[in-house]
Amino acid sequence: MRDEKILISMKQIILDFPKQFKIGVERAKGVKLSGPFDKVIICGLGGSAMPGILLGDAFGDDLKIPVYI
């Protein structure tokens, strides 16, 4: 029974990924950064690394600096 609840919870977490990314983008709009930068380093384990992986996959060819995850 407990394993079934965990699987249902994980399924919902995965289904909620788009909503989580939308919230993250909205919250980041007010962040101001100043450079120059020569690299981006993203630290995370498991699901915490997912935004960095998606960033690299989506924009890797267009980025002028390396992204390390």
C-alpha atoms as a PDB file:
ATOM      1  CA  MET A   1       0.000   0.000   0.000  1.00  0.00           C
ATOM      2  CA  ARG A   2       2.774   2.450   0.947  1.00  0.00           C
ATOM      3  CA  ASP A   3       4.648   1.816  -2.339  1.00  0.00           C
ATOM      4  CA  GLU A   4       1.465   2.509  -4.291  1.00  0.00           C
ATOM      5  CA  LYS A   5       1.054   5.879  -2.521  1.00  0.00           C
ATOM      6  CA  ILE A   6       4.667   6.777  -3.320  1.00  0.00           C
ATOM      7  CA  LEU A   7       4.144   5.942  -7.006  1.00  0.00           C
ATOM      8  CA  ILE A   8       0.979   8.051  -7.145  1.00  0.00           C
ATOM      9  CA  SER A   9       2.818  10.949  -5.485  1.00  0.00           C
ATOM     10  CA  MET A  10       5.751  10.699  -7.917  1.00  0.00           C
ATOM     11  CA  LYS A  11       3.356  10.613 -10.864  1.00  0.00           C
ATOM     12  CA  GLN A  12       1.720  13.818  -9.642  1.00  0.00           C
ATOM     13  CA  ILE A  13       5.097  15.493  -9.095  1.00  0.00           C
ATOM     14  CA  ILE A  14       6.083  14.676 -12.680  1.00  0.00           C
ATOM     15  CA  LEU A  15       2.745  15.897 -14.019  1.00  0.00           C
ATOM     16  CA  ASP A  16       3.227  19.155 -12.083  1.00  0.00           C
ATOM     17  CA  PHE A  17       6.686  19.869 -13.621  1.00  0.00           C
ATOM     18  CA  PRO A  18       5.341  22.409 -16.152  1.00  0.00           C
ATOM     19  CA  LYS A  19       3.558  24.314 -13.372  1.00  0.00           C
ATOM     20  CA  GLN A  20       6.719  24.293 -11.244  1.00  0.00           C
ATOM     21  CA  PHE A  21       8.810  25.669 -14.121  1.00  0.00           C
ATOM     22  CA  LYS A  22       6.248  28.396 -14.792  1.00  0.00           C
ATOM     23  CA  ILE A  23       6.362  29.440 -11.124  1.00  0.00           C
ATOM     24  CA  GLY A  24      10.167  29.457 -11.217  1.00  0.00           C
ATOM     25  CA  VAL A  25      10.263  31.635 -14.339  1.00  0.00           C
ATOM     26  CA  GLU A  26       7.799  34.100 -12.803  1.00  0.00           C
ATOM     27  CA  ARG A  27       9.818  34.347  -9.582  1.00  0.00           C
ATOM     28  CA  ALA A  28      13.074  34.838 -11.493  1.00  0.00           C
ATOM     29  CA  LYS A  29      11.782  37.804 -13.517  1.00  0.00           C
ATOM     30  CA  GLY A  30      12.790  40.268 -10.798  1.00  0.00           C
ATOM     31  CA  VAL A  31      16.331  38.892 -10.404  1.00  0.00           C
ATOM     32  CA  LYS A  32      19.034  41.260 -11.660  1.00  0.00           C
ATOM     33  CA  LEU A  33      22.443  39.891 -12.637  1.00  0.00           C
ATOM     34  CA  SER A  34      25.507  41.748 -13.798  1.00  0.00           C
ATOM     35  CA  GLY A  35      28.426  40.168 -15.590  1.00  0.00           C
ATOM     36  CA  PRO A  36      30.452  39.403 -17.482  1.00  0.00           C
ATOM     37  CA  PHE A  37      30.217  35.679 -16.882  1.00  0.00           C
ATOM     38  CA  ASP A  38      32.430  32.985 -18.374  1.00  0.00           C
ATOM     39  CA  LYS A  39      30.394  29.917 -17.321  1.00  0.00           C
ATOM     40  CA  VAL A  40      27.202  28.780 -15.608  1.00  0.00           C
ATOM     41  CA  ILE A  41      27.383  26.141 -12.868  1.00  0.00           C
ATOM     42  CA  ILE A  42      24.158  24.506 -11.704  1.00  0.00           C
ATOM     43  CA  CYS A  43      24.303  22.279  -8.637  1.00  0.00           C
ATOM     44  CA  GLY A  44      21.615  19.714  -8.006  1.00  0.00           C
ATOM     45  CA  LEU A  45      20.927  16.048  -7.478  1.00  0.00           C
ATOM     46  CA  GLY A  46      18.216  14.050  -9.150  1.00  0.00           C
ATOM     47  CA  GLY A  47      15.248  16.239  -9.966  1.00  0.00           C
ATOM     48  CA  SER A  48      17.036  19.362  -8.726  1.00  0.00           C
ATOM     49  CA  ALA A  49      19.334  19.188 -11.736  1.00  0.00           C
ATOM     50  CA  MET A  50      16.402  19.019 -14.182  1.00  0.00           C
ATOM     51  CA  PRO A  51      16.185  22.784 -14.937  1.00  0.00           C
ATOM     52  CA  GLY A  52      19.883  22.842 -15.806  1.00  0.00           C
ATOM     53  CA  ILE A  53      19.567  19.827 -18.057  1.00  0.00           C
ATOM     54  CA  LEU A  54      16.594  21.405 -19.831  1.00  0.00           C
ATOM     55  CA  LEU A  55      18.460  24.719 -20.187  1.00  0.00           C
ATOM     56  CA  GLY A  56      21.423  22.985 -21.767  1.00  0.00           C
ATOM     57  CA  ASP A  57      19.239  20.890 -24.072  1.00  0.00           C
ATOM     58  CA  ALA A  58      17.036  23.802 -25.143  1.00  0.00           C
ATOM     59  CA  PHE A  59      19.623  26.565 -25.537  1.00  0.00           C
ATOM     60  CA  GLY A  60      23.011  24.829 -25.519  1.00  0.00           C
ATOM     61  CA  ASP A  61      23.747  25.586 -29.171  1.00  0.00           C
ATOM     62  CA  ASP A  62      22.883  29.277 -28.715  1.00  0.00           C
ATOM     63  CA  LEU A  63      24.721  29.914 -25.439  1.00  0.00           C
ATOM     64  CA  LYS A  64      28.070  31.615 -25.735  1.00  0.00           C
ATOM     65  CA  ILE A  65      29.351  30.230 -22.413  1.00  0.00           C
ATOM     66  CA  PRO A  66      29.411  26.648 -21.120  1.00  0.00           C
ATOM     67  CA  VAL A  67      26.787  25.294 -18.718  1.00  0.00           C
ATOM     68  CA  TYR A  68      28.015  22.723 -16.189  1.00  0.00           C
ATOM     69  CA  ILE A  69      25.543  20.584 -14.253  1.00  0.00           C
END
